[in-house]
C-alpha atoms as a PDB file:
ATOM      1  CA  UNK A   1      77.687 102.893 145.409  1.00  0.00           C
ATOM      2  CA  UNK A   2      73.901 102.755 145.908  1.00  0.00           C
ATOM      3  CA  UNK A   3      71.772 101.782 142.903  1.00  0.00           C
ATOM      4  CA  UNK A   4      69.588 104.310 141.097  1.00  0.00           C
ATOM      5  CA  UNK A   5      66.532 102.624 142.605  1.00  0.00           C
ATOM      6  CA  UNK A   6      68.036 102.946 146.089  1.00  0.00           C
ATOM      7  CA  UNK A   7      68.674 106.656 145.554  1.00  0.00           C
ATOM      8  CA  UNK A   8      65.076 107.178 144.406  1.00  0.00           C
ATOM      9  CA  UNK A   9      63.703 105.315 147.436  1.00  0.00           C
ATOM     10  CA  UNK A  10      66.006 107.295 149.723  1.00  0.00           C
ATOM     11  CA  UNK A  11      64.644 110.585 148.378  1.00  0.00           C
ATOM     12  CA  UNK A  12      61.085 109.311 148.912  1.00  0.00           C
ATOM     13  CA  UNK A  13      61.800 108.289 152.533  1.00  0.00           C
ATOM     14  CA  UNK A  14      63.365 111.645 153.388  1.00  0.00           C
ATOM     15  CA  UNK A  15      60.516 113.638 151.825  1.00  0.00           C
ATOM     16  CA  UNK A  16      57.681 111.237 152.789  1.00  0.00           C
ATOM     17  CA  UNK A  17      56.540 110.691 149.215  1.00  0.00           C
ATOM     18  CA  UNK A  18      54.766 107.768 147.619  1.00  0.00           C
ATOM     19  CA  UNK A  19      56.389 105.416 145.133  1.00  0.00           C
ATOM     20  CA  UNK A  20      54.759 103.464 142.351  1.00  0.00           C
ATOM     21  CA  UNK A  21      56.694 100.482 141.034  1.00  0.00           C
ATOM     22  CA  UNK A  22      56.622  96.862 140.027  1.00  0.00           C
ATOM     23  CA  UNK A  23      57.892  94.266 142.482  1.00  0.00           C
ATOM     24  CA  UNK A  24      58.345  90.770 141.148  1.00  0.00           C
ATOM     25  CA  UNK A  25      56.300  91.935 138.185  1.00  0.00           C
ATOM     26  CA  UNK A  26      53.284  93.156 140.195  1.00  0.00           C
ATOM     27  CA  UNK A  27      52.215  96.807 140.345  1.00  0.00           C
ATOM     28  CA  UNK A  28      52.611  98.407 143.795  1.00  0.00           C
ATOM     29  CA  UNK A  29      51.675 101.718 145.408  1.00  0.00           C
ATOM     30  CA  UNK A  30      53.790 102.153 148.524  1.00  0.00           C
ATOM     31  CA  UNK A  31      55.155 104.546 151.108  1.00  0.00           C
ATOM     32  CA  UNK A  32      58.730 103.530 151.976  1.00  0.00           C
ATOM     33  CA  UNK A  33      59.578 103.798 155.674  1.00  0.00           C
ATOM     34  CA  UNK A  34      62.960 102.134 156.329  1.00  0.00           C
ATOM     35  CA  UNK A  35      65.832 101.775 153.840  1.00  0.00           C
ATOM     36  CA  UNK A  36      69.225 100.137 154.078  1.00  0.00           C
ATOM     37  CA  UNK A  37      71.024  96.825 153.752  1.00  0.00           C
ATOM     38  CA  UNK A  38      70.473  93.266 154.895  1.00  0.00           C
ATOM     39  CA  UNK A  39      73.339  90.880 154.144  1.00  0.00           C
ATOM     40  CA  UNK A  40      74.789  93.488 151.722  1.00  0.00           C
ATOM     41  CA  UNK A  41      71.501  93.569 149.777  1.00  0.00           C
ATOM     42  CA  UNK A  42      69.520  96.811 149.356  1.00  0.00           C
ATOM     43  CA  UNK A  43      66.132  96.441 151.051  1.00  0.00           C
ATOM     44  CA  UNK A  44      63.178  98.602 152.018  1.00  0.00           C
ATOM     45  CA  UNK A  45      60.324  98.227 154.455  1.00  0.00           C
ATOM     46  CA  UNK A  46      57.291  99.907 152.912  1.00  0.00           C
ATOM     47  CA  UNK A  47      53.624 100.282 153.607  1.00  0.00           C
ATOM     48  CA  UNK A  48      51.659  99.105 150.566  1.00  0.00           C
ATOM     49  CA  UNK A  49      48.289 100.806 150.332  1.00  0.00           C
ATOM     50  CA  UNK A  50      47.148 100.396 146.721  1.00  0.00           C
ATOM     51  CA  UNK A  51      45.169  97.364 145.576  1.00  0.00           C
ATOM     52  CA  UNK A  52      44.863  95.827 149.032  1.00  0.00           C
ATOM     53  CA  UNK A  53      42.362  95.724 151.871  1.00  0.00           C
ATOM     54  CA  UNK A  54      41.614  99.271 153.105  1.00  0.00           C
ATOM     55  CA  UNK A  55      44.051  98.909 156.009  1.00  0.00           C
ATOM     56  CA  UNK A  56      47.029  98.125 153.690  1.00  0.00           C
ATOM     57  CA  UNK A  57      49.995  95.856 154.431  1.00  0.00           C
ATOM     58  CA  UNK A  58      53.680  96.105 155.331  1.00  0.00           C
ATOM     59  CA  UNK A  59      56.088  94.817 152.657  1.00  0.00           C
ATOM     60  CA  UNK A  60      59.765  93.937 152.876  1.00  0.00           C
ATOM     61  CA  UNK A  61      61.216  94.350 149.391  1.00  0.00           C
ATOM     62  CA  UNK A  62      64.590  93.608 147.817  1.00  0.00           C
ATOM     63  CA  UNK A  63      65.396  96.574 145.606  1.00  0.00           C
ATOM     64  CA  UNK A  64      67.044  94.443 142.925  1.00  0.00           C
ATOM     65  CA  UNK A  65      63.560  93.019 142.263  1.00  0.00           C
ATOM     66  CA  UNK A  66      61.945  96.480 141.879  1.00  0.00           C
ATOM     67  CA  UNK A  67      61.391  97.927 138.395  1.00  0.00           C
ATOM     68  CA  UNK A  68      59.689 101.010 136.963  1.00  0.00           C
ATOM     69  CA  UNK A  69      59.979 102.928 140.260  1.00  0.00           C
ATOM     70  CA  UNK A  70      58.770 106.530 140.315  1.00  0.00           C
ATOM     71  CA  UNK A  71      58.081 109.059 143.055  1.00  0.00           C
ATOM     72  CA  UNK A  72      54.664 110.658 143.095  1.00  0.00           C
ATOM     73  CA  UNK A  73      52.913 113.172 145.300  1.00  0.00           C
ATOM     74  CA  UNK A  74      50.012 112.025 147.414  1.00  0.00           C
ATOM     75  CA  UNK A  75      48.805 111.297 150.911  1.00  0.00           C
ATOM     76  CA  UNK A  76      51.342 109.572 153.167  1.00  0.00           C
ATOM     77  CA  UNK A  77      50.234 106.132 154.364  1.00  0.00           C
ATOM     78  CA  UNK A  78      51.477 104.100 157.299  1.00  0.00           C
ATOM     79  CA  UNK A  79      50.305 101.136 159.329  1.00  0.00           C
ATOM     80  CA  UNK A  80      49.752 100.586 162.984  1.00  0.00           C
ATOM     81  CA  UNK A  81      52.839 100.208 165.124  1.00  0.00           C
ATOM     82  CA  UNK A  82      54.248  96.700 165.114  1.00  0.00           C
ATOM     83  CA  UNK A  83      54.216  94.691 168.300  1.00  0.00           C
ATOM     84  CA  UNK A  84      57.770  93.577 167.507  1.00  0.00           C
ATOM     85  CA  UNK A  85      60.773  95.305 165.898  1.00  0.00           C
ATOM     86  CA  UNK A  86      61.150  95.237 162.121  1.00  0.00           C
ATOM     87  CA  UNK A  87      63.627  92.685 160.757  1.00  0.00           C
ATOM     88  CA  UNK A  88      63.537  93.647 157.078  1.00  0.00           C
ATOM     89  CA  UNK A  89      66.443  96.109 157.159  1.00  0.00           C
ATOM     90  CA  UNK A  90      69.354  95.217 159.428  1.00  0.00           C
ATOM     91  CA  UNK A  91      71.714  98.108 158.606  1.00  0.00           C
ATOM     92  CA  UNK A  92      69.426 101.154 158.462  1.00  0.00           C
ATOM     93  CA  UNK A  93      70.557 104.063 156.301  1.00  0.00           C
ATOM     94  CA  UNK A  94      67.448 106.225 156.619  1.00  0.00           C
ATOM     95  CA  UNK A  95      63.952 105.928 158.059  1.00  0.00           C
ATOM     96  CA  UNK A  96      60.875 108.117 158.115  1.00  0.00           C
ATOM     97  CA  UNK A  97      60.773 110.846 160.709  1.00  0.00           C
ATOM     98  CA  UNK A  98      57.527 110.079 162.528  1.00  0.00           C
ATOM     99  CA  UNK A  99      57.313 113.456 164.209  1.00  0.00           C
END
């Protein structure tokens, strides 16, 4: 059964909504893009846009290290296409529809 955090992130991916949370104790503003499992661990590939250089950064996050997660409305952020495939999430459950 997916965790409550996983379910919240899943809803955000499907609806292209931002999430605010703490990861390893640090405040994050992110747009989750890919959600699923890696080695039976819930993980998400997100684009972090708050508190970083203007271009933002991609983040691979283990959901068991995420606290205080909340969905919020706001502009959707994404990064440039990677030159190589993502390796954060091996068994993808859901990913952002880029159309």
